[in-house]
Amino acid sequence: MSFTLTQWLAHLEKLHPVAIDLGLERIRIVAERLGLLSGPIARRVVTVAGTNGKGSTVAMVEAVARAHGLSTACYTSPHLLRYNERLTLDGNEVSDEALIDAFERIDAVRLETGLTYFEMGTLAALVIIRDRAPDMAILEVGLGGQLDATNIIDADVGIVTSVALDHADFLGTDIEKIGTEKAGILRAGHPAVLGSRNMVASVAAHAASLPVSRCLVLGADFDWRRDDHDGWQWQRPDGAFDDLSLPDPGLPLDNAASALTALEALGIPLDSERLIQALSGIRLAGRMQRIGRYCLDVAHNPHAAGYVADQLMLRPVTRRVALLGMLGDKDAEGVIEALWPVVDDWLPVTLSGARARQAATLADIIRARGGEVVAVADSPAAGIAWLEQHSQHDDVLVCGSFFTVAEALARLERGEGTA
């Protein structure tokens, strides 16, 4: 009898002794047996790496491509509410049946080769994408770049959004080495888009060593600026600012400009009306997502938290509380410091799992800085329940981890705590 998707996902967690095992040797063996490396999986492949901004960049590449009539497949991670979120086909979540079929096909050929949960999921996504053969596949790197499972596929254009410290247990703390790792998605003879004004030198150096056909750097080869119509203008790589006023997608405009630059680098003619259409309708769960008085963002490192703080500066409120839940291997002190200017009160929560940081530990860090801790809770859901009973704050920031946002979002989408 075939497993359900839920049973398959539980099974995948037991296939390999460690959850994260960077390297491509094992996954390449199975990918070759599946025929994934014998030809392209799509007409064009865009791979997106970076510490922060990957998800929003992928979303904007996809939206613009679809608005221009291209069929798309997007593979991202992690998910918030449903595993199916990780693979969308023309904007629709993949079905349980397609995932189950892919897992069965992979399991039939992997034999004794052990694969992690992420590697199995990546192979399943690639099998489904290859079978569908879309005009464009957009792949988000899970962790790092060069050794990430997605990197078994050659990208027609590689985007590196940013490089900052995160996942130190796996990538280390040498920022230049981290940059080289993330630049490992770039391919000789294909364009590279570097979407940060403060990109570490090793990324461009790696691109030059390949060499790529063209290395396009934000602030040098392309850019954006605000206009007088509450929108923005894109500076194309030819150096000219478009007169066209584009709508603000509610996502970082560095990433929006990078997405457009990558599409143009692929030779896709971009139409003004379709650009406006695409950028007007983007909604990305867990990225400055508003539900009533709640703002949910998956920011879990100081760089991402700084962006959240900058956006909240633009939204004056009477009093804001942060419901903060983090994993133990993340820089809690740095995140709290970045959010400090825009948060009045704090509600630390404990996440489930062995990697979780205890709410009491977060509370100690906050109190040591002189912050006001209104309560601690043993889960994000319990934190929201407390806020609904006791809080008069007119703005609630939920952040610190995908796990924090996922649990809070599940409760809020049931209508519990949206007042």
Protein backbone atom coordinates (compact mmCIF):
# COMPACT_ATOMS: atom_id res chain seq x y z
CA MET A 1 0.00 0.00 0.00
CA SER A 2 1.32 3.42 -0.93
CA PHE A 3 2.24 5.92 1.76
CA THR A 4 0.27 9.12 2.15
CA LEU A 5 2.28 12.33 1.81
CA THR A 6 2.33 12.69 5.59
CA GLN A 7 3.72 9.16 5.93
CA TRP A 8 6.32 9.81 3.24
CA LEU A 9 7.54 12.97 4.98
CA ALA A 10 7.87 11.09 8.26
CA HIS A 11 9.77 8.35 6.42
CA LEU A 12 12.16 10.86 4.82
CA GLU A 13 13.23 12.11 8.22
CA LYS A 14 14.62 8.63 9.03
CA LEU A 15 16.58 7.94 5.83
CA HIS A 16 19.82 9.63 6.87
CA PRO A 17 21.50 9.83 10.27
CA VAL A 18 21.88 13.64 10.16
CA ALA A 19 19.41 16.28 9.01
CA ILE A 20 21.96 18.39 7.11
CA ASP A 21 24.84 16.72 5.28
CA LEU A 22 26.34 19.14 2.77
CA GLY A 23 27.86 17.63 -0.35
CA LEU A 24 26.75 16.54 -3.81
CA GLU A 25 28.26 13.08 -4.20
CA ARG A 26 25.29 11.09 -2.87
CA ILE A 27 22.58 13.13 -4.54
CA ARG A 28 24.44 13.07 -7.88
CA ILE A 29 24.45 9.27 -7.86
CA VAL A 30 20.68 9.13 -7.51
CA ALA A 31 20.10 12.06 -9.88
CA GLU A 32 22.04 10.22 -12.59
CA ARG A 33 19.91 7.10 -12.08
CA LEU A 34 16.82 9.28 -12.51
CA GLY A 35 18.18 10.83 -15.71
CA LEU A 36 18.11 14.31 -14.21
CA LEU A 37 21.64 15.17 -15.36
CA SER A 38 21.33 14.00 -18.96
CA GLY A 39 19.48 17.06 -20.21
CA PRO A 40 17.84 20.34 -19.13
CA ILE A 41 14.93 20.21 -16.71
CA ALA A 42 13.48 23.43 -18.17
CA ARG A 43 14.13 25.81 -21.05
CA ARG A 44 15.77 28.22 -18.60
CA VAL A 45 16.96 27.76 -15.02
CA VAL A 46 17.39 30.58 -12.51
CA THR A 47 19.14 29.69 -9.25
CA VAL A 48 18.97 32.09 -6.30
CA ALA A 49 21.44 31.98 -3.39
CA GLY A 50 22.04 34.38 -0.52
CA THR A 51 21.67 34.81 3.21
CA ASN A 52 18.53 36.93 3.00
CA GLY A 53 16.18 37.93 0.20
CA LYS A 54 16.05 34.64 -1.68
CA GLY A 55 12.33 34.05 -1.23
CA SER A 56 11.27 37.52 -2.33
CA THR A 57 13.61 37.41 -5.33
CA VAL A 58 12.22 34.04 -6.41
CA ALA A 59 8.66 35.34 -6.01
CA MET A 60 9.34 38.36 -8.21
CA VAL A 61 11.18 36.39 -10.90
CA GLU A 62 8.23 34.01 -11.03
CA ALA A 63 5.56 36.71 -11.09
CA VAL A 64 7.22 38.67 -13.89
CA ALA A 65 7.93 35.54 -15.93
CA ARG A 66 4.32 34.37 -15.65
CA ALA A 67 3.01 37.83 -16.54
CA HIS A 68 5.04 37.53 -19.76
CA GLY A 69 3.35 34.25 -20.64
CA LEU A 70 6.06 31.84 -19.51
CA SER A 71 5.24 28.61 -17.71
CA THR A 72 7.10 28.34 -14.43
CA ALA A 73 8.15 25.95 -11.68
CA CYS A 74 9.45 27.32 -8.37
CA TYR A 75 11.25 25.27 -5.73
CA THR A 76 11.72 26.99 -2.36
CA SER A 77 12.26 26.04 1.26
CA PRO A 78 11.32 25.76 4.02
CA HIS A 79 7.54 25.77 3.97
CA LEU A 80 5.26 27.46 6.47
CA LEU A 81 1.99 25.51 6.61
CA ARG A 82 2.11 22.77 3.95
CA TYR A 83 5.00 20.86 2.42
CA ASN A 84 3.37 21.39 -0.99
CA GLU A 85 4.30 25.09 -0.75
CA ARG A 86 7.88 24.12 -1.62
CA LEU A 87 7.04 23.45 -5.27
CA THR A 88 4.64 25.58 -7.28
CA LEU A 89 3.77 25.00 -10.93
CA ASP A 90 2.44 28.10 -12.69
CA GLY A 91 1.74 29.52 -9.25
CA ASN A 92 -0.16 26.51 -7.92
CA GLU A 93 1.09 24.24 -5.15
CA VAL A 94 2.09 20.77 -6.33
CA SER A 95 -0.37 18.01 -5.53
CA ASP A 96 0.13 15.28 -2.94
CA GLU A 97 -0.16 12.71 -5.72
CA ALA A 98 2.69 14.21 -7.76
CA LEU A 99 4.98 14.30 -4.73
CA ILE A 100 4.13 10.74 -3.71
CA ASP A 101 4.82 9.49 -7.24
CA ALA A 102 8.17 11.30 -7.29
CA PHE A 103 9.19 9.92 -3.89
CA GLU A 104 8.31 6.39 -5.01
CA ARG A 105 10.40 6.76 -8.18
CA ILE A 106 13.37 8.06 -6.21
CA ASP A 107 13.13 5.36 -3.58
CA ALA A 108 13.07 2.69 -6.29
CA VAL A 109 16.49 3.72 -7.65
CA ARG A 110 18.38 5.07 -4.64
CA LEU A 111 19.07 1.54 -3.34
CA GLU A 112 21.53 1.87 -0.43
CA THR A 113 22.29 5.55 -1.01
CA GLY A 114 21.26 7.56 2.03
CA LEU A 115 19.62 10.91 1.35
CA THR A 116 18.55 13.66 3.73
CA TYR A 117 15.00 14.99 3.96
CA PHE A 118 16.03 18.04 1.93
CA GLU A 119 17.86 15.99 -0.69
CA MET A 120 14.86 13.73 -1.23
CA GLY A 121 12.60 16.75 -1.48
CA THR A 122 14.93 18.45 -3.95
CA LEU A 123 15.10 15.35 -6.14
CA ALA A 124 11.31 15.04 -6.06
CA ALA A 125 10.93 18.64 -7.14
CA LEU A 126 13.46 18.21 -9.95
CA VAL A 127 11.74 15.04 -11.20
CA ILE A 128 8.39 16.82 -11.33
CA ILE A 129 9.90 19.87 -13.00
CA ARG A 130 11.73 17.76 -15.59
CA ASP A 131 8.54 15.86 -16.42
CA ARG A 132 6.63 19.12 -16.86
CA ALA A 133 9.45 20.89 -18.80
CA PRO A 134 8.38 24.48 -18.05
CA ASP A 135 9.73 27.57 -19.77
CA MET A 136 11.48 28.54 -16.55
CA ALA A 137 12.54 26.72 -13.38
CA ILE A 138 13.44 28.93 -10.42
CA LEU A 139 15.45 27.17 -7.70
CA GLU A 140 16.07 28.61 -4.25
CA VAL A 141 19.23 27.36 -2.56
CA GLY A 142 18.51 25.81 0.81
CA LEU A 143 21.81 26.45 2.58
CA GLY A 144 25.08 27.86 1.23
CA GLY A 145 25.36 27.28 -2.48
CA GLN A 146 28.18 25.20 -3.88
CA LEU A 147 27.34 22.11 -1.79
CA ASP A 148 23.58 22.60 -1.69
CA ALA A 149 21.43 19.90 -3.31
CA THR A 150 19.97 22.37 -5.81
CA ASN A 151 23.44 22.92 -7.27
CA ILE A 152 23.42 19.63 -9.18
CA ILE A 153 21.48 21.63 -11.81
CA ASP A 154 23.35 24.18 -13.94
CA ALA A 155 21.81 27.66 -13.81
CA ASP A 156 21.39 29.79 -16.93
CA VAL A 157 21.61 32.80 -14.62
CA GLY A 158 22.68 32.82 -10.99
CA ILE A 159 21.55 35.43 -8.48
CA VAL A 160 23.33 36.03 -5.17
CA THR A 161 21.12 38.32 -3.10
CA SER A 162 23.29 38.95 -0.03
CA VAL A 163 26.00 37.48 2.14
CA ALA A 164 25.83 37.70 5.92
CA LEU A 165 26.55 35.48 8.90
CA ASP A 166 24.04 32.68 9.38
CA HIS A 167 24.15 28.89 9.74
CA ALA A 168 27.60 29.27 11.31
CA ASP A 169 27.63 25.60 12.38
CA PHE A 170 27.73 24.61 8.70
CA LEU A 171 29.19 27.63 6.86
CA GLY A 172 31.56 29.01 9.48
CA THR A 173 32.13 32.66 10.36
CA ASP A 174 34.60 33.68 7.64
CA ILE A 175 32.43 36.00 5.54
CA GLU A 176 34.66 35.75 2.47
CA LYS A 177 34.55 31.94 2.55
CA ILE A 178 30.77 32.12 2.94
CA GLY A 179 30.67 34.36 -0.14
CA THR A 180 32.69 31.84 -2.15
CA GLU A 181 30.32 29.07 -1.05
CA LYS A 182 27.25 31.03 -2.16
CA ALA A 183 28.92 32.01 -5.45
CA GLY A 184 29.30 28.30 -6.20
CA ILE A 185 25.92 28.38 -7.99
CA LEU A 186 27.39 30.54 -10.77
CA ARG A 187 28.37 28.90 -14.04
CA ALA A 188 31.02 29.72 -16.62
CA GLY A 189 29.63 31.42 -19.69
CA HIS A 190 26.37 32.44 -18.01
CA PRO A 191 25.41 35.78 -16.44
CA ALA A 192 25.60 36.46 -12.72
CA VAL A 193 23.50 39.01 -10.84
CA LEU A 194 24.88 40.25 -7.51
CA GLY A 195 22.02 41.90 -5.65
CA SER A 196 23.73 43.66 -2.74
CA ARG A 197 25.45 47.04 -2.56
CA ASN A 198 27.77 45.58 0.07
CA MET A 199 28.56 42.25 -1.54
CA VAL A 200 31.67 40.61 -0.14
CA ALA A 201 34.60 40.65 -2.55
CA SER A 202 34.86 36.88 -2.83
CA VAL A 203 31.59 36.61 -4.77
CA ALA A 204 32.71 38.82 -7.65
CA ALA A 205 36.17 37.24 -7.50
CA HIS A 206 34.64 33.79 -7.93
CA ALA A 207 32.53 35.03 -10.83
CA ALA A 208 35.63 36.46 -12.51
CA SER A 209 37.53 33.20 -12.04
CA LEU A 210 34.98 31.15 -14.02
CA PRO A 211 34.47 33.51 -15.92
CA VAL A 212 30.77 34.26 -16.24
CA SER A 213 29.53 35.91 -19.42
CA ARG A 214 28.60 39.06 -17.54
CA CYS A 215 28.64 39.98 -13.85
CA LEU A 216 25.92 42.53 -13.06
CA VAL A 217 26.29 44.26 -9.70
CA LEU A 218 23.63 46.30 -7.90
CA GLY A 219 24.68 49.93 -7.59
CA ALA A 220 27.22 49.63 -10.40
CA ASP A 221 25.61 47.89 -13.37
CA PHE A 222 21.95 48.24 -12.41
CA ASP A 223 19.97 50.06 -9.73
CA TRP A 224 16.61 51.53 -8.69
CA ARG A 225 15.30 54.79 -7.30
CA ARG A 226 12.08 56.10 -5.83
CA ASP A 227 9.96 58.34 -8.05
CA ASP A 228 7.31 61.03 -7.49
CA HIS A 229 4.37 58.63 -7.87
CA ASP A 230 4.88 56.43 -4.78
CA GLY A 231 6.57 53.92 -7.05
CA TRP A 232 10.06 53.20 -8.26
CA GLN A 233 12.11 53.17 -11.41
CA TRP A 234 14.52 50.49 -12.52
CA GLN A 235 17.94 51.35 -13.91
CA ARG A 236 18.65 48.75 -16.55
CA PRO A 237 22.17 47.37 -17.04
CA ASP A 238 22.58 49.71 -20.02
CA GLY A 239 22.73 52.56 -17.50
CA ALA A 240 19.43 54.28 -18.25
CA PHE A 241 16.62 54.70 -15.76
CA ASP A 242 13.27 53.75 -17.20
CA ASP A 243 10.66 56.50 -17.15
CA LEU A 244 8.15 53.83 -16.17
CA SER A 245 6.85 54.09 -12.59
CA LEU A 246 6.63 50.58 -11.19
CA PRO A 247 4.38 49.69 -8.23
CA ASP A 248 6.05 48.91 -4.92
CA PRO A 249 5.64 45.14 -4.46
CA GLY A 250 5.98 45.42 -0.69
CA LEU A 251 9.25 43.46 -0.91
CA PRO A 252 12.86 44.72 -0.94
CA LEU A 253 13.46 46.77 -4.07
CA ASP A 254 17.08 45.59 -4.24
CA ASN A 255 15.60 42.15 -4.87
CA ALA A 256 13.03 43.48 -7.32
CA ALA A 257 15.73 45.17 -9.40
CA SER A 258 17.83 41.99 -9.25
CA ALA A 259 14.90 39.90 -10.47
CA LEU A 260 14.26 42.16 -13.46
CA THR A 261 17.96 42.29 -14.29
CA ALA A 262 18.23 38.49 -14.24
CA LEU A 263 15.24 38.12 -16.57
CA GLU A 264 16.65 40.66 -18.99
CA ALA A 265 20.03 38.89 -18.85
CA LEU A 266 18.21 35.78 -20.05
CA GLY A 267 17.07 37.71 -23.11
CA ILE A 268 13.43 38.02 -22.08
CA PRO A 269 11.91 41.27 -23.46
CA LEU A 270 10.13 42.98 -20.56
CA ASP A 271 6.85 44.74 -21.35
CA SER A 272 5.80 47.78 -19.29
CA GLU A 273 2.18 46.80 -18.77
CA ARG A 274 3.08 43.25 -17.81
CA LEU A 275 5.71 44.47 -15.35
CA ILE A 276 3.12 46.64 -13.62
CA GLN A 277 0.66 43.75 -13.59
CA ALA A 278 3.21 41.37 -12.08
CA LEU A 279 4.55 43.66 -9.38
CA SER A 280 1.08 44.81 -8.31
CA GLY A 281 -0.11 41.38 -7.25
CA ILE A 282 2.74 39.79 -5.29
CA ARG A 283 1.98 38.45 -1.83
CA LEU A 284 4.61 36.43 -0.01
CA ALA A 285 3.64 34.64 3.18
CA GLY A 286 5.81 35.36 6.18
CA ARG A 287 7.53 38.42 4.70
CA MET A 288 6.14 41.58 6.30
CA GLN A 289 2.78 39.82 6.10
CA ARG A 290 -0.11 41.71 7.72
CA ILE A 291 -3.05 40.00 9.43
CA GLY A 292 -4.96 42.54 11.47
CA ARG A 293 -2.59 44.12 13.96
CA TYR A 294 -0.04 41.35 13.41
CA CYS A 295 3.04 41.66 11.19
CA LEU A 296 4.73 38.31 10.52
CA ASP A 297 8.26 38.05 9.18
CA VAL A 298 10.62 35.07 9.16
CA ALA A 299 13.67 37.25 9.87
CA HIS A 300 16.07 35.15 11.95
CA ASN A 301 19.43 36.93 11.68
CA PRO A 302 20.54 40.52 12.34
CA HIS A 303 20.70 41.48 8.65
CA ALA A 304 17.09 40.43 8.02
CA ALA A 305 15.92 41.92 11.31
CA GLY A 306 17.48 45.22 10.31
CA TYR A 307 15.37 45.28 7.15
CA VAL A 308 12.23 44.58 9.20
CA ALA A 309 13.11 47.42 11.58
CA ASP A 310 13.62 49.83 8.66
CA GLN A 311 10.17 48.95 7.30
CA LEU A 312 8.48 49.31 10.68
CA MET A 313 10.06 52.74 11.10
CA LEU A 314 7.76 53.83 8.27
CA ARG A 315 4.68 52.71 10.25
CA PRO A 316 4.31 54.77 13.43
CA VAL A 317 2.29 53.06 16.16
CA THR A 318 1.36 53.83 19.74
CA ARG A 319 3.00 50.74 21.20
CA ARG A 320 4.50 47.65 19.55
CA VAL A 321 5.26 44.27 21.09
CA ALA A 322 7.51 41.63 19.53
CA LEU A 323 6.58 37.96 19.86
CA LEU A 324 10.05 36.48 19.40
CA GLY A 325 10.94 32.80 19.07
CA MET A 326 14.37 31.65 17.89
CA LEU A 327 16.54 28.59 17.42
CA GLY A 328 19.53 28.11 19.66
CA ASP A 329 22.11 28.43 16.88
CA LYS A 330 20.93 31.88 15.79
CA ASP A 331 22.33 35.25 16.87
CA ALA A 332 19.60 36.27 19.31
CA GLU A 333 21.57 39.22 20.66
CA GLY A 334 22.07 40.60 17.15
CA VAL A 335 18.40 40.19 16.20
CA ILE A 336 17.20 41.86 19.40
CA GLU A 337 19.64 44.74 18.88
CA ALA A 338 18.43 45.26 15.30
CA LEU A 339 14.77 45.32 16.38
CA TRP A 340 15.36 47.41 19.52
CA PRO A 341 14.54 50.84 17.99
CA VAL A 342 11.06 49.76 16.85
CA VAL A 343 9.93 47.46 19.68
CA ASP A 344 8.50 48.74 22.97
CA ASP A 345 7.74 45.43 24.68
CA TRP A 346 8.80 41.81 24.23
CA LEU A 347 7.08 38.45 24.51
CA PRO A 348 9.67 35.66 24.14
CA VAL A 349 8.36 32.20 23.24
CA THR A 350 9.90 28.73 23.20
CA LEU A 351 9.89 26.75 19.96
CA SER A 352 9.52 23.00 19.86
CA GLY A 353 12.44 20.69 19.07
CA ALA A 354 15.97 20.11 20.29
CA ARG A 355 17.36 23.18 18.50
CA ALA A 356 14.99 25.63 20.20
CA ARG A 357 16.16 28.47 22.39
CA GLN A 358 14.17 28.74 25.60
CA ALA A 359 11.93 31.75 26.08
CA ALA A 360 13.51 32.36 29.49
CA THR A 361 16.93 32.69 27.84
CA LEU A 362 15.60 35.25 25.38
CA ALA A 363 13.95 37.10 28.27
CA ASP A 364 17.29 37.28 30.11
CA ILE A 365 18.97 38.85 27.05
CA ILE A 366 16.18 41.41 26.71
CA ARG A 367 16.11 42.32 30.40
CA ALA A 368 19.91 42.67 30.44
CA ARG A 369 19.51 45.40 27.82
CA GLY A 370 16.84 47.10 29.91
CA GLY A 371 13.91 45.88 27.85
CA GLU A 372 10.37 45.25 29.05
CA VAL A 373 9.29 41.60 28.95
CA VAL A 374 5.51 41.52 29.29
CA ALA A 375 5.30 37.72 29.44
CA VAL A 376 7.01 34.49 28.35
CA ALA A 377 5.20 31.63 26.65
CA ASP A 378 5.98 28.00 25.88
CA SER A 379 4.92 28.30 22.23
CA PRO A 380 4.05 30.93 19.61
CA ALA A 381 0.39 29.90 19.78
CA ALA A 382 0.41 30.36 23.55
CA GLY A 383 2.02 33.74 23.07
CA ILE A 384 -0.77 34.87 20.76
CA ALA A 385 -3.36 33.56 23.20
CA TRP A 386 -1.74 35.66 25.95
CA LEU A 387 -1.74 38.75 23.73
CA GLU A 388 -5.43 38.35 22.98
CA GLN A 389 -6.25 38.19 26.66
CA HIS A 390 -3.89 40.83 28.06
CA SER A 391 -2.36 43.04 25.38
CA GLN A 392 -3.49 46.51 24.34
CA HIS A 393 -0.65 46.92 21.84
CA ASP A 394 -1.78 48.28 18.49
CA ASP A 395 0.99 46.46 16.61
CA VAL A 396 2.44 42.96 17.11
CA LEU A 397 5.60 41.81 15.35
CA VAL A 398 5.97 38.01 15.08
CA CYS A 399 9.48 36.98 14.06
CA GLY A 400 12.69 35.11 14.82
CA SER A 401 12.22 31.89 12.88
CA PHE A 402 10.21 30.16 10.16
CA PHE A 403 8.90 27.95 12.99
CA THR A 404 7.67 30.98 14.96
CA VAL A 405 5.84 32.43 11.99
CA ALA A 406 4.45 29.06 10.85
CA GLU A 407 2.82 28.29 14.19
CA ALA A 408 1.51 31.82 14.62
CA LEU A 409 0.24 31.92 11.05
CA ALA A 410 -1.62 28.64 11.47
CA ARG A 411 -3.45 30.04 14.49
CA LEU A 412 -4.16 33.42 12.90
CA GLU A 413 -5.47 31.88 9.67
CA ARG A 414 -8.00 29.97 11.77
CA GLY A 415 -9.22 33.37 12.93
CA GLU A 416 -7.82 33.01 16.43
CA GLY A 417 -6.16 36.23 17.48
CA THR A 418 -6.86 38.58 14.57
CA ALA A 419 -8.60 41.23 16.61
